[in-house]
N, C-alpha and C. Protein backbone atom coordinates (compact mmCIF):
# COMPACT_ATOMS: atom_id res chain seq x y z
N UNK A 1 -108.43 107.48 132.32
CA UNK A 1 -107.95 108.51 131.42
C UNK A 1 -106.88 109.36 132.10
N UNK A 2 -107.07 109.61 133.40
CA UNK A 2 -106.11 110.41 134.14
C UNK A 2 -104.73 109.74 134.16
N UNK A 3 -104.74 108.41 134.33
CA UNK A 3 -103.49 107.65 134.36
C UNK A 3 -102.81 107.69 133.00
N UNK A 4 -103.60 107.54 131.91
CA UNK A 4 -103.05 107.61 130.56
C UNK A 4 -102.39 108.97 130.33
N UNK A 5 -103.06 110.04 130.68
CA UNK A 5 -102.51 111.39 130.49
C UNK A 5 -101.22 111.58 131.28
N UNK A 6 -101.18 111.06 132.48
CA UNK A 6 -99.98 111.16 133.31
C UNK A 6 -98.81 110.43 132.64
N UNK A 7 -99.06 109.21 132.12
CA UNK A 7 -98.01 108.45 131.46
C UNK A 7 -97.56 109.12 130.16
N UNK A 8 -98.50 109.68 129.42
CA UNK A 8 -98.14 110.40 128.20
C UNK A 8 -97.27 111.61 128.53
N UNK A 9 -97.61 112.33 129.58
CA UNK A 9 -96.81 113.48 130.00
C UNK A 9 -95.38 113.06 130.36
N UNK A 10 -95.24 111.96 131.09
CA UNK A 10 -93.92 111.46 131.47
C UNK A 10 -93.11 111.11 130.23
N UNK A 11 -93.73 110.45 129.24
CA UNK A 11 -93.03 110.12 128.00
C UNK A 11 -92.58 111.38 127.26
N UNK A 12 -93.43 112.38 127.21
CA UNK A 12 -93.09 113.62 126.53
C UNK A 12 -91.91 114.32 127.21
N UNK A 13 -91.89 114.30 128.53
CA UNK A 13 -90.79 114.92 129.27
C UNK A 13 -89.49 114.15 129.04
N UNK A 14 -89.57 112.81 129.07
CA UNK A 14 -88.37 111.99 128.91
C UNK A 14 -87.78 112.06 127.50
N UNK A 15 -88.63 112.09 126.48
CA UNK A 15 -88.15 111.97 125.11
C UNK A 15 -88.17 113.25 124.31
N UNK A 16 -88.62 114.33 124.86
CA UNK A 16 -88.72 115.55 124.07
C UNK A 16 -88.19 116.76 124.79
N UNK A 17 -88.20 117.85 124.08
CA UNK A 17 -87.73 119.09 124.68
C UNK A 17 -88.66 120.23 124.33
N UNK A 18 -89.95 119.98 124.44
CA UNK A 18 -90.91 121.04 124.20
C UNK A 18 -91.78 120.77 123.00
N UNK A 19 -92.87 121.50 122.91
CA UNK A 19 -93.83 121.29 121.84
C UNK A 19 -93.43 121.99 120.55
N UNK A 20 -92.65 123.06 120.65
CA UNK A 20 -92.24 123.76 119.44
C UNK A 20 -90.84 123.32 119.05
N UNK A 21 -90.69 122.93 117.81
CA UNK A 21 -89.40 122.44 117.33
C UNK A 21 -88.94 123.34 116.20
N UNK A 22 -88.10 124.31 116.52
CA UNK A 22 -87.64 125.26 115.53
C UNK A 22 -86.87 124.61 114.39
N UNK A 23 -86.21 123.47 114.63
CA UNK A 23 -85.42 122.84 113.57
C UNK A 23 -86.20 121.76 112.83
N UNK A 24 -87.52 121.75 112.96
CA UNK A 24 -88.36 120.82 112.22
C UNK A 24 -88.06 119.36 112.50
N UNK A 25 -88.48 118.88 113.63
CA UNK A 25 -88.26 117.50 114.05
C UNK A 25 -88.73 116.52 112.99
N UNK A 26 -89.86 116.77 112.36
CA UNK A 26 -90.42 115.82 111.40
C UNK A 26 -89.62 115.71 110.11
N UNK A 27 -88.83 116.71 109.77
CA UNK A 27 -88.00 116.60 108.58
C UNK A 27 -86.56 116.23 108.91
N UNK A 28 -86.17 116.31 110.17
CA UNK A 28 -84.85 115.85 110.58
C UNK A 28 -84.81 114.33 110.62
N UNK A 29 -85.85 113.73 111.14
CA UNK A 29 -86.00 112.27 111.20
C UNK A 29 -87.18 111.92 110.31
N UNK A 30 -86.93 111.47 109.09
CA UNK A 30 -88.00 111.31 108.10
C UNK A 30 -88.61 109.91 108.04
N UNK A 31 -87.80 108.87 108.13
CA UNK A 31 -88.26 107.50 107.90
C UNK A 31 -88.50 106.80 109.24
N UNK A 32 -89.69 106.21 109.40
CA UNK A 32 -90.03 105.58 110.67
C UNK A 32 -90.70 104.23 110.51
N UNK A 33 -90.54 103.40 111.55
CA UNK A 33 -91.22 102.12 111.65
C UNK A 33 -92.16 102.23 112.84
N UNK A 34 -93.43 101.87 112.62
CA UNK A 34 -94.46 102.10 113.64
C UNK A 34 -95.32 100.86 113.80
N UNK A 35 -95.56 100.47 115.05
CA UNK A 35 -96.52 99.40 115.38
C UNK A 35 -97.81 100.08 115.83
N UNK A 36 -98.95 99.54 115.38
CA UNK A 36 -100.21 100.20 115.68
C UNK A 36 -101.25 99.22 116.22
N UNK A 37 -102.19 99.78 116.94
CA UNK A 37 -103.31 99.02 117.50
C UNK A 37 -104.60 99.74 117.10
N UNK A 38 -105.42 99.13 116.26
CA UNK A 38 -106.70 99.67 115.77
C UNK A 38 -106.57 100.91 114.90
N UNK A 39 -105.39 101.22 114.36
CA UNK A 39 -105.30 102.45 113.56
C UNK A 39 -104.81 102.25 112.14
N UNK A 40 -103.62 101.76 111.94
CA UNK A 40 -103.03 101.73 110.61
C UNK A 40 -102.60 100.32 110.23
N UNK A 41 -102.95 99.77 109.10
CA UNK A 41 -104.07 100.23 108.29
C UNK A 41 -105.40 99.84 108.93
N UNK A 42 -106.29 100.77 108.99
CA UNK A 42 -107.60 100.55 109.61
C UNK A 42 -108.39 99.58 108.74
N UNK A 43 -109.07 98.60 109.26
CA UNK A 43 -109.44 98.33 110.64
C UNK A 43 -108.66 97.19 111.30
N UNK A 44 -107.36 97.18 111.23
CA UNK A 44 -106.54 96.11 111.80
C UNK A 44 -106.52 96.14 113.31
N UNK A 45 -106.51 94.96 113.92
CA UNK A 45 -106.26 94.88 115.36
C UNK A 45 -104.81 95.29 115.61
N UNK A 46 -103.88 94.69 114.88
CA UNK A 46 -102.45 95.01 114.99
C UNK A 46 -101.92 95.34 113.60
N UNK A 47 -101.04 96.33 113.52
CA UNK A 47 -100.47 96.72 112.23
C UNK A 47 -99.00 97.04 112.36
N UNK A 48 -98.27 96.89 111.26
CA UNK A 48 -96.87 97.28 111.16
C UNK A 48 -96.75 98.19 109.95
N UNK A 49 -96.18 99.37 110.15
CA UNK A 49 -96.20 100.40 109.12
C UNK A 49 -94.83 101.02 108.90
N UNK A 50 -94.60 101.45 107.67
CA UNK A 50 -93.44 102.22 107.30
C UNK A 50 -93.94 103.63 107.02
N UNK A 51 -93.43 104.60 107.75
CA UNK A 51 -93.88 105.99 107.62
C UNK A 51 -92.77 106.86 107.05
N UNK A 52 -93.16 107.89 106.32
CA UNK A 52 -92.19 108.84 105.77
C UNK A 52 -92.74 110.25 105.90
N UNK A 53 -91.98 111.11 106.58
CA UNK A 53 -92.35 112.52 106.72
C UNK A 53 -91.92 113.24 105.44
N UNK A 54 -92.86 113.42 104.53
CA UNK A 54 -92.58 114.02 103.23
C UNK A 54 -92.16 115.48 103.39
N UNK A 55 -92.93 116.24 104.13
CA UNK A 55 -92.61 117.62 104.49
C UNK A 55 -93.01 117.80 105.95
N UNK A 56 -92.71 118.93 106.55
CA UNK A 56 -92.90 119.07 108.00
C UNK A 56 -94.34 118.94 108.46
N UNK A 57 -95.30 119.03 107.56
CA UNK A 57 -96.70 118.89 107.97
C UNK A 57 -97.42 117.73 107.28
N UNK A 58 -96.69 116.84 106.58
CA UNK A 58 -97.34 115.73 105.89
C UNK A 58 -96.54 114.43 106.05
N UNK A 59 -97.22 113.39 106.50
CA UNK A 59 -96.62 112.07 106.66
C UNK A 59 -97.37 111.06 105.80
N UNK A 60 -96.61 110.24 105.06
CA UNK A 60 -97.17 109.15 104.28
C UNK A 60 -96.90 107.84 105.02
N UNK A 61 -97.85 106.93 104.99
CA UNK A 61 -97.72 105.67 105.71
C UNK A 61 -98.25 104.53 104.84
N UNK A 62 -97.51 103.43 104.79
CA UNK A 62 -97.98 102.19 104.17
C UNK A 62 -97.74 101.06 105.15
N UNK A 63 -98.63 100.09 105.16
CA UNK A 63 -98.45 99.00 106.10
C UNK A 63 -99.41 97.86 105.88
N UNK A 64 -99.26 96.87 106.74
CA UNK A 64 -100.15 95.72 106.70
C UNK A 64 -100.57 95.39 108.12
N UNK A 65 -101.70 94.70 108.23
CA UNK A 65 -102.22 94.38 109.55
C UNK A 65 -103.00 93.08 109.54
N UNK A 66 -103.56 92.74 110.70
CA UNK A 66 -104.24 91.48 110.89
C UNK A 66 -105.55 91.70 111.62
N UNK A 67 -106.58 90.99 111.16
CA UNK A 67 -107.86 90.93 111.86
C UNK A 67 -108.16 89.47 112.11
N UNK A 68 -108.27 89.10 113.36
CA UNK A 68 -108.61 87.72 113.70
C UNK A 68 -109.66 87.77 114.81
N UNK A 69 -110.86 87.27 114.51
CA UNK A 69 -111.96 87.38 115.46
C UNK A 69 -112.86 86.15 115.32
N UNK A 70 -113.31 85.64 116.47
CA UNK A 70 -114.21 84.49 116.43
C UNK A 70 -115.12 84.51 117.66
N UNK A 71 -116.41 84.30 117.42
CA UNK A 71 -117.37 84.08 118.51
C UNK A 71 -118.41 83.09 118.01
N UNK A 72 -119.54 82.98 118.67
CA UNK A 72 -120.53 81.97 118.31
C UNK A 72 -121.24 82.25 116.98
N UNK A 73 -121.28 83.51 116.55
CA UNK A 73 -122.00 83.84 115.33
C UNK A 73 -121.12 84.37 114.20
N UNK A 74 -119.87 84.70 114.48
CA UNK A 74 -119.03 85.35 113.48
C UNK A 74 -117.59 84.87 113.59
N UNK A 75 -116.97 84.60 112.44
CA UNK A 75 -115.57 84.20 112.39
C UNK A 75 -114.90 84.97 111.25
N UNK A 76 -113.88 85.77 111.58
CA UNK A 76 -113.16 86.54 110.56
C UNK A 76 -111.67 86.30 110.73
N UNK A 77 -111.01 86.02 109.62
CA UNK A 77 -109.56 85.94 109.57
C UNK A 77 -109.13 86.71 108.33
N UNK A 78 -108.49 87.84 108.51
CA UNK A 78 -108.20 88.71 107.37
C UNK A 78 -106.87 89.42 107.53
N UNK A 79 -106.34 89.85 106.39
CA UNK A 79 -105.13 90.66 106.33
C UNK A 79 -105.51 91.99 105.68
N UNK A 80 -104.95 93.06 106.18
CA UNK A 80 -105.20 94.39 105.60
C UNK A 80 -103.90 94.97 105.07
N UNK A 81 -104.00 95.65 103.95
CA UNK A 81 -102.87 96.36 103.36
C UNK A 81 -103.40 97.74 103.00
N UNK A 82 -102.69 98.78 103.42
CA UNK A 82 -103.22 100.11 103.16
C UNK A 82 -102.21 101.22 103.23
N UNK A 83 -102.68 102.39 102.89
CA UNK A 83 -101.88 103.60 102.93
C UNK A 83 -102.66 104.72 103.59
N UNK A 84 -101.95 105.73 104.04
CA UNK A 84 -102.54 106.77 104.86
C UNK A 84 -101.75 108.07 104.66
N UNK A 85 -102.41 109.19 104.69
CA UNK A 85 -101.75 110.51 104.67
C UNK A 85 -102.22 111.26 105.91
N UNK A 86 -101.27 111.78 106.69
CA UNK A 86 -101.59 112.59 107.86
C UNK A 86 -101.12 114.02 107.62
N UNK A 87 -101.93 114.98 108.04
CA UNK A 87 -101.58 116.40 107.94
C UNK A 87 -101.47 116.99 109.34
N UNK A 88 -100.33 117.60 109.64
CA UNK A 88 -100.01 118.15 110.96
C UNK A 88 -99.95 119.67 110.93
N UNK A 89 -99.81 120.26 112.10
CA UNK A 89 -99.48 121.68 112.21
C UNK A 89 -97.97 121.78 111.96
N UNK A 90 -97.51 122.62 111.03
CA UNK A 90 -96.08 122.69 110.71
C UNK A 90 -95.22 123.11 111.90
N UNK A 91 -93.98 122.62 111.91
CA UNK A 91 -92.92 123.01 112.84
C UNK A 91 -93.23 122.74 114.30
N UNK A 92 -93.96 121.67 114.58
CA UNK A 92 -94.23 121.28 115.96
C UNK A 92 -93.91 119.81 116.15
N UNK A 93 -93.47 119.45 117.34
CA UNK A 93 -93.19 118.04 117.61
C UNK A 93 -94.43 117.33 118.15
N UNK A 94 -95.36 118.07 118.75
CA UNK A 94 -96.64 117.50 119.17
C UNK A 94 -97.72 118.27 118.43
N UNK A 95 -98.62 117.52 117.77
CA UNK A 95 -99.58 118.20 116.90
C UNK A 95 -100.86 117.39 116.74
N UNK A 96 -102.00 118.08 116.72
CA UNK A 96 -103.22 117.41 116.27
C UNK A 96 -103.08 117.16 114.77
N UNK A 97 -103.81 116.19 114.26
CA UNK A 97 -103.73 115.91 112.83
C UNK A 97 -105.05 115.37 112.31
N UNK A 98 -105.19 115.43 111.00
CA UNK A 98 -106.27 114.78 110.29
C UNK A 98 -105.66 113.79 109.32
N UNK A 99 -106.38 112.71 109.03
CA UNK A 99 -105.83 111.71 108.11
C UNK A 99 -106.90 111.18 107.17
N UNK A 100 -106.44 110.70 106.03
CA UNK A 100 -107.29 110.00 105.08
C UNK A 100 -106.48 108.82 104.55
N UNK A 101 -107.13 107.69 104.38
CA UNK A 101 -106.41 106.50 103.95
C UNK A 101 -107.26 105.58 103.10
N UNK A 102 -106.63 104.52 102.62
CA UNK A 102 -107.29 103.53 101.79
C UNK A 102 -106.76 102.16 102.20
N UNK A 103 -107.66 101.20 102.44
CA UNK A 103 -107.27 99.87 102.90
C UNK A 103 -107.97 98.79 102.09
N UNK A 104 -107.20 97.76 101.71
CA UNK A 104 -107.73 96.56 101.07
C UNK A 104 -107.79 95.47 102.13
N UNK A 105 -108.92 94.76 102.22
CA UNK A 105 -109.10 93.70 103.21
C UNK A 105 -109.26 92.39 102.46
N UNK A 106 -108.40 91.40 102.77
CA UNK A 106 -108.52 90.08 102.13
C UNK A 106 -108.54 89.02 103.23
N UNK A 107 -109.27 87.93 102.98
CA UNK A 107 -109.36 86.86 103.96
C UNK A 107 -110.69 86.16 103.90
N UNK A 108 -111.11 85.59 105.03
CA UNK A 108 -112.38 84.86 105.08
C UNK A 108 -113.27 85.39 106.19
N UNK A 109 -114.57 85.27 105.94
CA UNK A 109 -115.58 85.65 106.92
C UNK A 109 -116.72 84.64 106.84
N UNK A 110 -117.08 84.08 107.97
CA UNK A 110 -118.24 83.19 108.03
C UNK A 110 -119.15 83.68 109.15
N UNK A 111 -120.43 83.56 108.95
CA UNK A 111 -121.39 83.99 109.96
C UNK A 111 -121.91 85.38 109.68
N UNK A 112 -122.70 85.85 110.64
CA UNK A 112 -123.31 87.18 110.51
C UNK A 112 -122.95 88.01 111.73
N UNK A 113 -123.19 89.28 111.63
CA UNK A 113 -122.92 90.19 112.73
C UNK A 113 -121.77 91.12 112.41
N UNK A 114 -121.37 91.89 113.40
CA UNK A 114 -120.24 92.78 113.23
C UNK A 114 -119.41 92.82 114.50
N UNK A 115 -118.15 93.17 114.35
CA UNK A 115 -117.24 93.28 115.48
C UNK A 115 -117.49 94.63 116.13
N UNK A 116 -117.83 94.63 117.40
CA UNK A 116 -118.23 95.89 118.05
C UNK A 116 -117.15 96.95 118.00
N UNK A 117 -115.87 96.55 118.04
CA UNK A 117 -114.80 97.54 118.04
C UNK A 117 -114.37 97.98 116.66
N UNK A 118 -114.76 97.26 115.60
CA UNK A 118 -114.29 97.59 114.26
C UNK A 118 -115.39 97.86 113.25
N UNK A 119 -116.64 97.67 113.62
CA UNK A 119 -117.71 97.89 112.67
C UNK A 119 -117.91 96.69 111.76
N UNK A 120 -118.43 96.94 110.59
CA UNK A 120 -118.76 95.87 109.65
C UNK A 120 -117.57 95.60 108.73
N UNK A 121 -116.74 94.61 109.07
CA UNK A 121 -115.55 94.27 108.31
C UNK A 121 -115.88 93.10 107.39
N UNK A 122 -115.64 93.28 106.09
CA UNK A 122 -115.90 92.22 105.12
C UNK A 122 -114.65 92.00 104.27
N UNK A 123 -114.02 90.82 104.37
CA UNK A 123 -112.89 90.52 103.49
C UNK A 123 -113.31 90.61 102.03
N UNK A 124 -112.39 91.09 101.20
CA UNK A 124 -112.68 91.27 99.78
C UNK A 124 -113.12 92.68 99.46
N UNK A 125 -113.26 93.52 100.44
CA UNK A 125 -113.67 94.90 100.19
C UNK A 125 -112.49 95.85 100.39
N UNK A 126 -112.66 97.05 99.92
CA UNK A 126 -111.70 98.12 100.19
C UNK A 126 -112.46 99.24 100.87
N UNK A 127 -111.78 99.96 101.74
CA UNK A 127 -112.44 101.04 102.48
C UNK A 127 -111.60 102.31 102.45
N UNK A 128 -112.27 103.42 102.40
CA UNK A 128 -111.64 104.72 102.57
C UNK A 128 -111.80 105.07 104.04
N UNK A 129 -110.72 105.53 104.66
CA UNK A 129 -110.76 105.82 106.10
C UNK A 129 -110.50 107.30 106.36
N UNK A 130 -111.06 107.77 107.47
CA UNK A 130 -110.89 109.15 107.91
C UNK A 130 -110.50 109.11 109.38
N UNK A 131 -109.60 109.99 109.79
CA UNK A 131 -109.19 109.98 111.18
C UNK A 131 -108.77 111.34 111.68
N UNK A 132 -108.68 111.44 113.00
CA UNK A 132 -108.19 112.63 113.67
C UNK A 132 -107.50 112.18 114.95
N UNK A 133 -106.43 112.86 115.34
CA UNK A 133 -105.73 112.44 116.53
C UNK A 133 -104.67 113.42 116.96
N UNK A 134 -103.76 112.90 117.79
CA UNK A 134 -102.65 113.68 118.34
C UNK A 134 -101.38 112.87 118.19
N UNK A 135 -100.33 113.48 117.62
CA UNK A 135 -99.07 112.80 117.34
C UNK A 135 -97.92 113.55 118.01
N UNK A 136 -96.96 112.76 118.51
CA UNK A 136 -95.75 113.35 119.09
C UNK A 136 -94.54 112.66 118.49
N UNK A 137 -93.60 113.44 117.97
CA UNK A 137 -92.32 112.91 117.49
C UNK A 137 -91.21 113.71 118.14
N UNK A 138 -90.34 113.01 118.89
CA UNK A 138 -89.25 113.70 119.60
C UNK A 138 -88.05 113.92 118.69
N UNK A 139 -87.12 114.71 119.16
CA UNK A 139 -85.88 114.97 118.42
C UNK A 139 -85.07 113.69 118.24
N UNK A 140 -85.18 112.75 119.19
CA UNK A 140 -84.45 111.49 119.09
C UNK A 140 -85.08 110.53 118.09
N UNK A 141 -86.33 110.76 117.70
CA UNK A 141 -87.02 109.91 116.74
C UNK A 141 -88.17 109.11 117.33
N UNK A 142 -88.31 109.12 118.66
CA UNK A 142 -89.41 108.41 119.31
C UNK A 142 -90.74 109.00 118.83
N UNK A 143 -91.72 108.14 118.55
CA UNK A 143 -93.01 108.59 118.05
C UNK A 143 -94.13 107.84 118.75
N UNK A 144 -95.15 108.58 119.17
CA UNK A 144 -96.33 107.99 119.81
C UNK A 144 -97.54 108.81 119.40
N UNK A 145 -98.68 108.15 119.27
CA UNK A 145 -99.86 108.89 118.90
C UNK A 145 -101.14 108.15 119.23
N UNK A 146 -102.21 108.92 119.30
CA UNK A 146 -103.55 108.36 119.46
C UNK A 146 -104.39 108.88 118.29
N UNK A 147 -105.33 108.05 117.86
CA UNK A 147 -106.13 108.44 116.70
C UNK A 147 -107.52 107.82 116.79
N UNK A 148 -108.50 108.56 116.35
CA UNK A 148 -109.87 108.07 116.22
C UNK A 148 -110.13 107.93 114.72
N UNK A 149 -110.47 106.69 114.28
CA UNK A 149 -110.66 106.42 112.85
C UNK A 149 -112.03 105.84 112.57
N UNK A 150 -112.51 106.09 111.37
CA UNK A 150 -113.76 105.50 110.87
C UNK A 150 -113.56 105.20 109.40
N UNK A 151 -114.30 104.21 108.90
CA UNK A 151 -114.25 103.96 107.46
C UNK A 151 -115.49 104.54 106.81
N UNK A 152 -115.45 104.60 105.49
CA UNK A 152 -116.54 105.24 104.76
C UNK A 152 -117.86 104.50 104.89
N UNK A 153 -117.85 103.22 105.30
CA UNK A 153 -119.08 102.45 105.42
C UNK A 153 -119.64 102.40 106.82
N UNK A 154 -119.02 103.08 107.78
CA UNK A 154 -119.46 103.01 109.17
C UNK A 154 -119.33 104.40 109.79
N UNK A 155 -120.26 104.77 110.63
CA UNK A 155 -120.27 106.13 111.17
C UNK A 155 -119.59 106.24 112.54
N UNK A 156 -119.17 105.14 113.15
CA UNK A 156 -118.56 105.23 114.48
C UNK A 156 -117.05 105.37 114.38
N UNK A 157 -116.48 106.24 115.20
CA UNK A 157 -115.04 106.44 115.25
C UNK A 157 -114.45 105.51 116.30
N UNK A 158 -113.40 104.77 115.93
CA UNK A 158 -112.75 103.78 116.79
C UNK A 158 -111.44 104.37 117.31
N UNK A 159 -111.21 104.35 118.65
CA UNK A 159 -109.94 104.84 119.18
C UNK A 159 -108.83 103.81 118.99
N UNK A 160 -107.64 104.29 118.75
CA UNK A 160 -106.47 103.42 118.61
C UNK A 160 -105.21 104.19 118.91
N UNK A 161 -104.08 103.52 118.80
CA UNK A 161 -102.82 104.17 119.08
C UNK A 161 -101.67 103.53 118.33
N UNK A 162 -100.53 104.20 118.38
CA UNK A 162 -99.33 103.67 117.72
C UNK A 162 -98.09 104.17 118.45
N UNK A 163 -97.01 103.40 118.26
CA UNK A 163 -95.71 103.75 118.84
C UNK A 163 -94.63 103.33 117.87
N UNK A 164 -93.60 104.13 117.72
CA UNK A 164 -92.55 103.78 116.76
C UNK A 164 -91.31 104.62 116.92
N UNK A 165 -90.44 104.52 115.93
CA UNK A 165 -89.17 105.24 115.95
C UNK A 165 -88.84 105.72 114.54
N UNK A 166 -88.37 106.96 114.43
CA UNK A 166 -87.96 107.56 113.15
C UNK A 166 -86.44 107.69 113.10
N UNK A 167 -85.89 107.47 111.91
CA UNK A 167 -84.44 107.52 111.70
C UNK A 167 -84.04 108.70 110.85
C-alpha cells in the first residue's frame, strides 16, 4: 500500500497543480475515455468507458466490459454493458465520490460456485451497483481513480481502479 501511495503521489505531482481547481477542471475537460479494472461497468474484469462531466460535481459513464473465468467447478464467459453516475465535491481536481450504476450481464455460465473477486455473477441478470472511491482529474485531462464497488445482490465491496484521459 505504501508503494501504491507513493506512485499515486508522483502521478499527482507530475500531472496536476494542486487539489483545488478554481477554474473547474471537470468542466474544462468534459469528455473522457477510460479503461477500468473491476469497476466500470461492474462486475467486469476489464472495461472500456466513455465518460462525460455533466457539471463540476457529476460524471456520467457508459461502457462495456468482459468477464472470463474458468476453474474446475465454474466457467463464465460474459459481456457487461452498463451506466454509472458519480458525485464529487465541486471545484476540486481530486475528490472522494459516491456512485450508483446499472449493469446488464449477458453470456454463459456453467457449473456452481462464485468468483471470489466478483461475487455471484450470473449471465442474463441485471444488477444495481453502489460504489465509493477517490478520483483525480488534472488540468491536462489525465484521470485516475480507485473505487470500491458492490452490487445489490452481494454485500462485499470489491476494489478496482481506472485510468483515462479527458478532452
